[in-house]
N, C-alpha and C. Protein backbone atom coordinates (compact mmCIF):
# COMPACT_ATOMS: atom_id res chain seq x y z
N MET A 1 26.95 -11.47 -14.52
CA MET A 1 26.00 -12.51 -14.89
C MET A 1 24.59 -11.93 -14.77
N ILE A 2 23.77 -12.20 -15.73
CA ILE A 2 22.39 -11.74 -15.73
C ILE A 2 21.54 -12.77 -15.00
N TYR A 3 20.64 -12.28 -14.12
CA TYR A 3 19.78 -13.17 -13.34
C TYR A 3 18.80 -13.89 -14.26
N SER A 4 18.64 -15.18 -14.09
CA SER A 4 17.74 -15.98 -14.91
C SER A 4 16.42 -16.20 -14.18
N PHE A 5 15.35 -15.63 -14.71
CA PHE A 5 14.04 -15.85 -14.12
C PHE A 5 13.52 -17.25 -14.42
N GLU A 6 14.09 -17.93 -15.40
CA GLU A 6 13.70 -19.30 -15.72
C GLU A 6 14.03 -20.24 -14.56
N ASN A 7 15.12 -19.96 -13.84
CA ASN A 7 15.56 -20.83 -12.76
C ASN A 7 15.13 -20.33 -11.39
N SER A 8 14.27 -19.37 -11.35
CA SER A 8 13.85 -18.78 -10.09
C SER A 8 12.94 -19.73 -9.32
N VAL A 9 12.99 -19.62 -8.00
CA VAL A 9 12.18 -20.50 -7.16
C VAL A 9 10.74 -20.02 -7.02
N PHE A 10 10.40 -18.84 -7.53
CA PHE A 10 9.02 -18.40 -7.39
C PHE A 10 8.14 -18.85 -8.55
N LYS A 11 8.71 -19.59 -9.49
CA LYS A 11 7.94 -20.15 -10.59
C LYS A 11 8.07 -21.67 -10.59
N ASP A 12 6.97 -22.35 -10.89
CA ASP A 12 6.98 -23.80 -11.04
C ASP A 12 7.53 -24.11 -12.44
N LYS A 13 8.50 -24.98 -12.52
CA LYS A 13 9.16 -25.26 -13.80
C LYS A 13 8.27 -25.94 -14.81
N GLU A 14 7.37 -26.81 -14.37
CA GLU A 14 6.53 -27.55 -15.32
C GLU A 14 5.39 -26.72 -15.87
N THR A 15 4.75 -25.93 -15.03
CA THR A 15 3.56 -25.20 -15.46
C THR A 15 3.81 -23.75 -15.80
N GLY A 16 4.87 -23.17 -15.28
CA GLY A 16 5.13 -21.75 -15.47
C GLY A 16 4.34 -20.87 -14.52
N LEU A 17 3.52 -21.48 -13.66
CA LEU A 17 2.76 -20.73 -12.66
C LEU A 17 3.65 -20.41 -11.48
N TYR A 18 3.12 -19.59 -10.58
CA TYR A 18 3.86 -19.30 -9.36
C TYR A 18 3.97 -20.55 -8.51
N SER A 19 5.03 -20.64 -7.74
CA SER A 19 5.22 -21.77 -6.83
C SER A 19 4.32 -21.62 -5.62
N GLU A 20 4.13 -22.71 -4.92
CA GLU A 20 3.30 -22.70 -3.71
C GLU A 20 3.92 -21.79 -2.64
N ALA A 21 5.23 -21.82 -2.50
CA ALA A 21 5.90 -20.98 -1.50
C ALA A 21 5.68 -19.50 -1.81
N TYR A 22 5.80 -19.13 -3.07
CA TYR A 22 5.57 -17.73 -3.44
C TYR A 22 4.12 -17.35 -3.20
N PHE A 23 3.19 -18.25 -3.55
CA PHE A 23 1.78 -17.98 -3.32
C PHE A 23 1.52 -17.70 -1.85
N MET A 24 2.06 -18.53 -0.97
CA MET A 24 1.83 -18.37 0.47
C MET A 24 2.39 -17.05 0.98
N GLU A 25 3.52 -16.65 0.46
CA GLU A 25 4.11 -15.38 0.87
C GLU A 25 3.21 -14.21 0.46
N VAL A 26 2.75 -14.21 -0.79
CA VAL A 26 1.89 -13.13 -1.27
C VAL A 26 0.53 -13.19 -0.57
N PHE A 27 0.00 -14.40 -0.38
CA PHE A 27 -1.30 -14.55 0.27
C PHE A 27 -1.25 -13.96 1.68
N HIS A 28 -0.20 -14.22 2.40
CA HIS A 28 -0.05 -13.69 3.76
C HIS A 28 -0.02 -12.16 3.75
N ARG A 29 0.71 -11.60 2.82
CA ARG A 29 0.80 -10.14 2.70
C ARG A 29 -0.57 -9.55 2.32
N GLU A 30 -1.25 -10.17 1.36
CA GLU A 30 -2.56 -9.67 0.92
C GLU A 30 -3.61 -9.85 2.02
N TRP A 31 -3.50 -10.90 2.79
CA TRP A 31 -4.42 -11.14 3.91
C TRP A 31 -4.42 -9.93 4.85
N HIS A 32 -3.23 -9.49 5.20
CA HIS A 32 -3.10 -8.35 6.12
C HIS A 32 -3.55 -7.04 5.47
N ARG A 33 -3.35 -6.92 4.18
CA ARG A 33 -3.85 -5.74 3.47
C ARG A 33 -5.38 -5.74 3.47
N MET A 34 -6.01 -6.90 3.29
CA MET A 34 -7.47 -6.99 3.30
C MET A 34 -8.02 -6.68 4.69
N ILE A 35 -7.29 -7.04 5.74
CA ILE A 35 -7.70 -6.68 7.10
C ILE A 35 -7.72 -5.16 7.25
N ARG A 36 -6.65 -4.52 6.82
CA ARG A 36 -6.57 -3.05 6.93
C ARG A 36 -7.65 -2.36 6.13
N GLU A 37 -7.93 -2.86 4.94
CA GLU A 37 -8.87 -2.20 4.03
C GLU A 37 -10.31 -2.70 4.18
N HIS A 38 -10.54 -3.72 5.03
CA HIS A 38 -11.87 -4.30 5.26
C HIS A 38 -12.49 -4.81 3.97
N HIS A 39 -11.69 -5.54 3.18
CA HIS A 39 -12.16 -6.11 1.92
C HIS A 39 -12.13 -7.63 2.00
N ALA A 40 -12.86 -8.24 1.11
CA ALA A 40 -12.94 -9.71 1.06
C ALA A 40 -11.91 -10.27 0.09
N LEU A 41 -11.61 -11.53 0.27
CA LEU A 41 -10.79 -12.27 -0.68
C LEU A 41 -11.39 -13.65 -0.85
N SER A 42 -11.01 -14.27 -1.94
CA SER A 42 -11.47 -15.64 -2.20
C SER A 42 -10.28 -16.52 -2.49
N ILE A 43 -10.39 -17.76 -2.04
CA ILE A 43 -9.41 -18.79 -2.33
C ILE A 43 -10.12 -19.87 -3.12
N LEU A 44 -9.56 -20.24 -4.26
CA LEU A 44 -10.08 -21.34 -5.07
C LEU A 44 -9.03 -22.43 -5.13
N ILE A 45 -9.45 -23.65 -4.90
CA ILE A 45 -8.55 -24.79 -5.08
C ILE A 45 -9.17 -25.66 -6.16
N ILE A 46 -8.39 -25.93 -7.19
CA ILE A 46 -8.87 -26.71 -8.33
C ILE A 46 -8.20 -28.06 -8.30
N HIS A 47 -9.03 -29.08 -8.28
CA HIS A 47 -8.52 -30.45 -8.29
C HIS A 47 -8.90 -31.10 -9.62
N PRO A 48 -7.95 -31.18 -10.55
CA PRO A 48 -8.23 -31.89 -11.81
C PRO A 48 -7.97 -33.37 -11.60
N ASN A 49 -8.84 -34.17 -12.12
CA ASN A 49 -8.67 -35.61 -11.98
C ASN A 49 -7.78 -36.11 -13.12
N LEU A 50 -6.49 -35.84 -12.98
CA LEU A 50 -5.51 -36.21 -14.00
C LEU A 50 -4.38 -36.99 -13.35
N ASP A 51 -3.84 -37.94 -14.09
CA ASP A 51 -2.67 -38.67 -13.64
C ASP A 51 -1.45 -37.99 -14.23
N ILE A 52 -0.80 -37.13 -13.44
CA ILE A 52 0.33 -36.37 -13.96
C ILE A 52 1.61 -37.19 -14.03
N ASN A 53 1.54 -38.46 -13.63
CA ASN A 53 2.70 -39.35 -13.75
C ASN A 53 2.82 -39.92 -15.15
N LYS A 54 1.79 -39.72 -15.97
CA LYS A 54 1.82 -40.14 -17.37
C LYS A 54 1.99 -38.90 -18.24
N ALA A 55 2.65 -39.06 -19.36
CA ALA A 55 2.97 -37.92 -20.23
C ALA A 55 1.71 -37.17 -20.66
N LYS A 56 0.68 -37.89 -21.06
CA LYS A 56 -0.55 -37.24 -21.53
C LYS A 56 -1.22 -36.48 -20.39
N GLY A 57 -1.27 -37.07 -19.21
CA GLY A 57 -1.87 -36.41 -18.06
C GLY A 57 -1.11 -35.16 -17.66
N LEU A 58 0.23 -35.23 -17.72
CA LEU A 58 1.04 -34.07 -17.39
C LEU A 58 0.82 -32.95 -18.41
N GLN A 59 0.73 -33.31 -19.69
CA GLN A 59 0.49 -32.29 -20.72
C GLN A 59 -0.87 -31.62 -20.52
N GLU A 60 -1.88 -32.40 -20.18
CA GLU A 60 -3.20 -31.84 -19.91
C GLU A 60 -3.18 -30.95 -18.67
N TYR A 61 -2.38 -31.35 -17.68
CA TYR A 61 -2.23 -30.55 -16.46
C TYR A 61 -1.60 -29.19 -16.79
N VAL A 62 -0.56 -29.20 -17.62
CA VAL A 62 0.10 -27.96 -18.03
C VAL A 62 -0.87 -27.11 -18.85
N ASN A 63 -1.64 -27.74 -19.74
CA ASN A 63 -2.63 -26.99 -20.52
C ASN A 63 -3.67 -26.34 -19.60
N LEU A 64 -4.09 -27.08 -18.59
CA LEU A 64 -5.06 -26.53 -17.64
C LEU A 64 -4.44 -25.37 -16.86
N ALA A 65 -3.17 -25.47 -16.53
CA ALA A 65 -2.48 -24.37 -15.83
C ALA A 65 -2.55 -23.09 -16.66
N HIS A 66 -2.30 -23.21 -17.95
CA HIS A 66 -2.37 -22.04 -18.83
C HIS A 66 -3.79 -21.52 -18.95
N LEU A 67 -4.75 -22.42 -19.02
CA LEU A 67 -6.15 -22.03 -19.09
C LEU A 67 -6.57 -21.27 -17.84
N LEU A 68 -6.16 -21.74 -16.68
CA LEU A 68 -6.49 -21.06 -15.43
C LEU A 68 -5.85 -19.68 -15.38
N ASN A 69 -4.61 -19.60 -15.79
CA ASN A 69 -3.91 -18.32 -15.78
C ASN A 69 -4.58 -17.33 -16.73
N ASP A 70 -5.04 -17.81 -17.88
CA ASP A 70 -5.72 -16.95 -18.85
C ASP A 70 -7.12 -16.56 -18.39
N SER A 71 -7.73 -17.34 -17.52
CA SER A 71 -9.10 -17.07 -17.06
C SER A 71 -9.17 -16.02 -15.97
N THR A 72 -8.04 -15.73 -15.35
CA THR A 72 -8.01 -14.66 -14.35
C THR A 72 -7.44 -13.43 -15.04
N LYS A 73 -8.22 -12.38 -15.08
CA LYS A 73 -7.87 -11.21 -15.90
C LYS A 73 -7.17 -10.10 -15.12
N ARG A 74 -7.38 -10.05 -13.81
CA ARG A 74 -6.82 -8.95 -13.03
C ARG A 74 -5.37 -9.23 -12.67
N THR A 75 -4.56 -8.19 -12.63
CA THR A 75 -3.15 -8.37 -12.32
C THR A 75 -2.94 -8.80 -10.87
N THR A 76 -3.92 -8.57 -10.02
CA THR A 76 -3.78 -8.96 -8.61
C THR A 76 -4.16 -10.42 -8.36
N ASP A 77 -4.81 -11.07 -9.32
CA ASP A 77 -5.16 -12.48 -9.17
C ASP A 77 -3.89 -13.32 -9.23
N LEU A 78 -3.82 -14.32 -8.38
CA LEU A 78 -2.60 -15.11 -8.26
C LEU A 78 -2.93 -16.58 -8.47
N VAL A 79 -2.36 -17.19 -9.51
CA VAL A 79 -2.59 -18.59 -9.82
C VAL A 79 -1.30 -19.35 -9.55
N SER A 80 -1.42 -20.47 -8.85
CA SER A 80 -0.24 -21.22 -8.44
C SER A 80 -0.50 -22.72 -8.48
N ARG A 81 0.56 -23.45 -8.67
CA ARG A 81 0.49 -24.90 -8.47
C ARG A 81 0.39 -25.13 -6.98
N PHE A 82 -0.45 -26.08 -6.58
CA PHE A 82 -0.68 -26.32 -5.16
C PHE A 82 -0.47 -27.79 -4.87
N HIS A 83 0.33 -28.08 -3.90
CA HIS A 83 0.77 -29.44 -3.61
C HIS A 83 1.35 -30.00 -4.90
N ASN A 84 1.07 -31.21 -5.23
CA ASN A 84 1.67 -31.75 -6.44
C ASN A 84 0.74 -31.68 -7.65
N ASN A 85 -0.56 -31.88 -7.42
CA ASN A 85 -1.44 -32.03 -8.58
C ASN A 85 -2.68 -31.15 -8.54
N GLU A 86 -2.68 -30.10 -7.73
CA GLU A 86 -3.81 -29.19 -7.68
C GLU A 86 -3.33 -27.79 -8.03
N PHE A 87 -4.28 -26.87 -8.10
CA PHE A 87 -3.97 -25.46 -8.32
C PHE A 87 -4.66 -24.66 -7.23
N ILE A 88 -4.11 -23.50 -6.91
CA ILE A 88 -4.74 -22.60 -5.97
C ILE A 88 -4.75 -21.21 -6.60
N ILE A 89 -5.87 -20.52 -6.45
CA ILE A 89 -6.01 -19.17 -6.99
C ILE A 89 -6.41 -18.25 -5.85
N GLY A 90 -5.70 -17.15 -5.72
CA GLY A 90 -6.04 -16.11 -4.76
C GLY A 90 -6.67 -14.94 -5.50
N LEU A 91 -7.88 -14.60 -5.09
CA LEU A 91 -8.62 -13.48 -5.69
C LEU A 91 -8.80 -12.44 -4.59
N PHE A 92 -8.04 -11.38 -4.65
CA PHE A 92 -8.00 -10.40 -3.57
C PHE A 92 -8.91 -9.23 -3.89
N ASP A 93 -9.62 -8.76 -2.85
CA ASP A 93 -10.55 -7.64 -2.98
C ASP A 93 -11.64 -7.97 -3.99
N LEU A 94 -12.31 -9.10 -3.73
CA LEU A 94 -13.34 -9.57 -4.66
C LEU A 94 -14.53 -10.13 -3.88
N SER A 95 -15.71 -9.79 -4.31
CA SER A 95 -16.94 -10.26 -3.68
C SER A 95 -17.26 -11.68 -4.13
N PRO A 96 -18.23 -12.33 -3.46
CA PRO A 96 -18.66 -13.65 -3.92
C PRO A 96 -19.19 -13.64 -5.36
N ASP A 97 -19.89 -12.58 -5.74
CA ASP A 97 -20.40 -12.50 -7.12
C ASP A 97 -19.25 -12.44 -8.13
N GLY A 98 -18.24 -11.65 -7.81
CA GLY A 98 -17.07 -11.58 -8.69
C GLY A 98 -16.34 -12.90 -8.76
N THR A 99 -16.26 -13.58 -7.64
CA THR A 99 -15.62 -14.90 -7.59
C THR A 99 -16.38 -15.88 -8.45
N THR A 100 -17.72 -15.87 -8.35
CA THR A 100 -18.54 -16.77 -9.16
C THR A 100 -18.33 -16.50 -10.65
N THR A 101 -18.20 -15.24 -11.02
CA THR A 101 -17.94 -14.89 -12.42
C THR A 101 -16.65 -15.53 -12.90
N ILE A 102 -15.60 -15.46 -12.10
CA ILE A 102 -14.33 -16.05 -12.49
C ILE A 102 -14.43 -17.57 -12.55
N ILE A 103 -15.10 -18.18 -11.59
CA ILE A 103 -15.27 -19.64 -11.60
C ILE A 103 -16.01 -20.07 -12.86
N GLU A 104 -17.08 -19.37 -13.20
CA GLU A 104 -17.85 -19.72 -14.40
C GLU A 104 -17.02 -19.53 -15.66
N ARG A 105 -16.16 -18.51 -15.68
CA ARG A 105 -15.26 -18.30 -16.82
C ARG A 105 -14.30 -19.48 -16.94
N ILE A 106 -13.79 -19.96 -15.82
CA ILE A 106 -12.89 -21.11 -15.82
C ILE A 106 -13.62 -22.35 -16.34
N LEU A 107 -14.81 -22.60 -15.82
CA LEU A 107 -15.56 -23.79 -16.24
C LEU A 107 -15.92 -23.72 -17.72
N ASP A 108 -16.29 -22.53 -18.21
CA ASP A 108 -16.58 -22.37 -19.64
C ASP A 108 -15.34 -22.65 -20.48
N SER A 109 -14.18 -22.19 -20.02
CA SER A 109 -12.93 -22.43 -20.74
C SER A 109 -12.59 -23.92 -20.76
N ILE A 110 -12.84 -24.60 -19.65
CA ILE A 110 -12.59 -26.05 -19.60
C ILE A 110 -13.49 -26.76 -20.59
N LYS A 111 -14.77 -26.38 -20.63
CA LYS A 111 -15.71 -27.01 -21.57
C LYS A 111 -15.29 -26.75 -23.01
N GLU A 112 -14.91 -25.51 -23.32
CA GLU A 112 -14.49 -25.17 -24.68
C GLU A 112 -13.26 -25.96 -25.10
N SER A 113 -12.27 -26.03 -24.22
CA SER A 113 -11.04 -26.75 -24.57
C SER A 113 -11.27 -28.25 -24.59
N GLY A 114 -12.20 -28.73 -23.78
CA GLY A 114 -12.50 -30.16 -23.73
C GLY A 114 -13.31 -30.65 -24.91
N SER A 115 -13.91 -29.72 -25.66
CA SER A 115 -14.72 -30.15 -26.80
C SER A 115 -13.86 -30.47 -28.01
N GLY A 116 -12.57 -30.12 -27.95
CA GLY A 116 -11.65 -30.44 -29.04
C GLY A 116 -11.09 -31.83 -28.87
N THR A 117 -9.83 -31.97 -29.19
CA THR A 117 -9.21 -33.29 -29.12
C THR A 117 -8.80 -33.66 -27.71
N GLN A 118 -8.66 -32.67 -26.83
CA GLN A 118 -8.22 -32.98 -25.48
C GLN A 118 -9.41 -33.00 -24.52
N VAL A 119 -9.36 -33.90 -23.57
CA VAL A 119 -10.42 -34.02 -22.58
C VAL A 119 -10.06 -33.29 -21.31
N GLN A 120 -9.04 -32.48 -21.37
CA GLN A 120 -8.38 -31.92 -20.20
C GLN A 120 -9.30 -31.60 -19.03
N ALA A 121 -9.12 -32.33 -17.98
CA ALA A 121 -9.75 -32.05 -16.68
C ALA A 121 -11.25 -31.85 -16.78
N LYS A 122 -11.91 -32.66 -17.60
CA LYS A 122 -13.36 -32.52 -17.73
C LYS A 122 -14.07 -32.71 -16.40
N ASN A 123 -13.47 -33.42 -15.51
CA ASN A 123 -14.09 -33.61 -14.21
C ASN A 123 -13.29 -32.91 -13.10
N ALA A 124 -12.83 -31.71 -13.39
CA ALA A 124 -12.15 -30.90 -12.38
C ALA A 124 -13.18 -30.38 -11.39
N PHE A 125 -12.79 -30.32 -10.13
CA PHE A 125 -13.67 -29.78 -9.11
C PHE A 125 -13.01 -28.54 -8.52
N ILE A 126 -13.79 -27.47 -8.40
CA ILE A 126 -13.29 -26.23 -7.83
C ILE A 126 -13.98 -25.99 -6.50
N GLY A 127 -13.20 -25.92 -5.46
CA GLY A 127 -13.71 -25.58 -4.14
C GLY A 127 -13.26 -24.18 -3.82
N GLY A 128 -14.19 -23.34 -3.42
CA GLY A 128 -13.85 -21.95 -3.16
C GLY A 128 -14.37 -21.47 -1.83
N LEU A 129 -13.70 -20.48 -1.30
CA LEU A 129 -14.07 -19.91 -0.03
C LEU A 129 -13.87 -18.40 -0.11
N ASN A 130 -14.93 -17.66 0.21
CA ASN A 130 -14.86 -16.21 0.27
C ASN A 130 -14.82 -15.83 1.75
N VAL A 131 -13.91 -14.93 2.10
CA VAL A 131 -13.72 -14.59 3.51
C VAL A 131 -13.36 -13.12 3.65
N TYR A 132 -13.84 -12.53 4.73
CA TYR A 132 -13.40 -11.20 5.14
C TYR A 132 -12.33 -11.41 6.21
N PRO A 133 -11.07 -11.23 5.87
CA PRO A 133 -10.01 -11.45 6.85
C PRO A 133 -10.15 -10.54 8.06
N SER A 134 -9.81 -11.09 9.19
CA SER A 134 -9.74 -10.31 10.42
C SER A 134 -8.71 -10.98 11.32
N ASN A 135 -8.38 -10.31 12.40
CA ASN A 135 -7.42 -10.89 13.34
C ASN A 135 -8.01 -12.08 14.08
N ASN A 136 -9.33 -12.28 13.99
CA ASN A 136 -9.99 -13.41 14.64
C ASN A 136 -10.05 -14.65 13.75
N VAL A 137 -9.61 -14.52 12.51
CA VAL A 137 -9.67 -15.64 11.56
C VAL A 137 -8.26 -16.14 11.31
N ASP A 138 -8.06 -17.42 11.48
CA ASP A 138 -6.75 -18.03 11.28
C ASP A 138 -6.56 -18.36 9.79
N ILE A 139 -5.48 -17.87 9.22
CA ILE A 139 -5.20 -18.11 7.80
C ILE A 139 -5.13 -19.60 7.49
N GLY A 140 -4.48 -20.34 8.34
CA GLY A 140 -4.35 -21.79 8.13
C GLY A 140 -5.70 -22.48 8.08
N ASN A 141 -6.63 -22.05 8.93
CA ASN A 141 -7.97 -22.64 8.92
C ASN A 141 -8.70 -22.34 7.62
N VAL A 142 -8.50 -21.14 7.08
CA VAL A 142 -9.15 -20.78 5.82
C VAL A 142 -8.64 -21.67 4.69
N LEU A 143 -7.33 -21.86 4.62
CA LEU A 143 -6.77 -22.73 3.59
C LEU A 143 -7.24 -24.17 3.77
N GLN A 144 -7.29 -24.64 5.01
CA GLN A 144 -7.76 -25.99 5.28
C GLN A 144 -9.22 -26.15 4.90
N GLU A 145 -10.05 -25.15 5.20
CA GLU A 145 -11.47 -25.21 4.84
C GLU A 145 -11.65 -25.26 3.33
N ALA A 146 -10.89 -24.46 2.60
CA ALA A 146 -10.97 -24.49 1.13
C ALA A 146 -10.53 -25.85 0.60
N GLN A 147 -9.49 -26.42 1.19
CA GLN A 147 -9.02 -27.75 0.80
C GLN A 147 -10.09 -28.80 1.08
N THR A 148 -10.77 -28.68 2.21
CA THR A 148 -11.83 -29.63 2.56
C THR A 148 -12.99 -29.54 1.58
N ILE A 149 -13.40 -28.33 1.23
CA ILE A 149 -14.49 -28.16 0.26
C ILE A 149 -14.13 -28.83 -1.06
N THR A 150 -12.90 -28.65 -1.49
CA THR A 150 -12.45 -29.26 -2.75
C THR A 150 -12.46 -30.77 -2.64
N GLY A 151 -11.99 -31.30 -1.54
CA GLY A 151 -11.90 -32.75 -1.37
C GLY A 151 -13.23 -33.45 -1.23
N LEU A 152 -14.28 -32.72 -0.86
CA LEU A 152 -15.59 -33.36 -0.66
C LEU A 152 -16.14 -34.00 -1.92
N HIS A 153 -15.90 -33.38 -3.06
CA HIS A 153 -16.50 -33.85 -4.30
C HIS A 153 -15.50 -34.19 -5.38
N SER A 154 -14.23 -33.98 -5.15
CA SER A 154 -13.25 -34.07 -6.22
C SER A 154 -13.14 -35.46 -6.85
N HIS A 155 -13.49 -36.49 -6.13
CA HIS A 155 -13.33 -37.83 -6.68
C HIS A 155 -14.66 -38.43 -7.15
N THR A 156 -15.76 -37.71 -6.96
CA THR A 156 -17.05 -38.29 -7.30
C THR A 156 -17.76 -37.59 -8.44
N GLN A 157 -17.23 -36.46 -8.91
CA GLN A 157 -17.90 -35.72 -9.96
C GLN A 157 -17.53 -36.27 -11.33
N ILE A 158 -18.52 -36.35 -12.21
CA ILE A 158 -18.28 -36.79 -13.57
C ILE A 158 -17.99 -35.59 -14.46
N GLU A 159 -18.69 -34.50 -14.25
CA GLU A 159 -18.47 -33.26 -15.00
C GLU A 159 -17.85 -32.23 -14.07
N SER A 160 -17.25 -31.20 -14.66
CA SER A 160 -16.68 -30.12 -13.87
C SER A 160 -17.77 -29.50 -13.00
N HIS A 161 -17.37 -29.13 -11.80
CA HIS A 161 -18.33 -28.67 -10.81
C HIS A 161 -17.60 -27.74 -9.85
N TYR A 162 -18.36 -26.87 -9.19
CA TYR A 162 -17.74 -26.02 -8.18
C TYR A 162 -18.68 -25.83 -7.00
N GLU A 163 -18.07 -25.48 -5.89
CA GLU A 163 -18.81 -25.09 -4.70
C GLU A 163 -18.08 -23.91 -4.08
N LEU A 164 -18.82 -22.83 -3.87
CA LEU A 164 -18.26 -21.63 -3.25
C LEU A 164 -19.00 -21.38 -1.94
N ARG A 165 -18.24 -21.27 -0.88
CA ARG A 165 -18.82 -20.99 0.44
C ARG A 165 -18.25 -19.70 0.99
N SER A 166 -18.96 -19.14 1.95
CA SER A 166 -18.45 -17.99 2.68
C SER A 166 -17.96 -18.47 4.04
N HIS A 167 -16.80 -17.99 4.44
CA HIS A 167 -16.25 -18.38 5.73
C HIS A 167 -16.95 -17.58 6.82
N GLU A 168 -17.46 -18.28 7.79
CA GLU A 168 -18.15 -17.65 8.92
C GLU A 168 -17.23 -17.69 10.14
N VAL A 169 -17.12 -16.59 10.84
CA VAL A 169 -16.33 -16.55 12.06
C VAL A 169 -17.18 -17.13 13.18
N HIS A 170 -16.65 -18.12 13.87
CA HIS A 170 -17.42 -18.80 14.93
C HIS A 170 -17.12 -18.17 16.26
């Protein structure tokens, strides 16, 4: 029997992106690689204001998933479905300037696709965090901080918006 990648648990069936479990496994591995190499990484959490319980909202969500995947050009960038209705992107070995470039590319793509017949995620909010991993920084806290940044504005923005912060070790 030939192994079917269509039924694999490392891919989300609706979006075709990596699953959250696979993302966390790779993120953990890359975190430790960034510690060894003394490089930065960025975490982006994208909250589209879409109702994925309706067919149109789900289709726009899937379209946004493809747009996000196409907006990250490096093979090391990792785009995944996060929780039920968000996305998470891991950008490994990337400075804040490089992260901003990718965020702006995503926002430009959303605007371009939204100018057609679909309004897909016109009010998506991107919360990002750039961090230099170390043994003094808890991975869980970094993910929670990125989630908090995303949640601060995700329900109040009318247009797509982002906020990128640097994680400071206290």
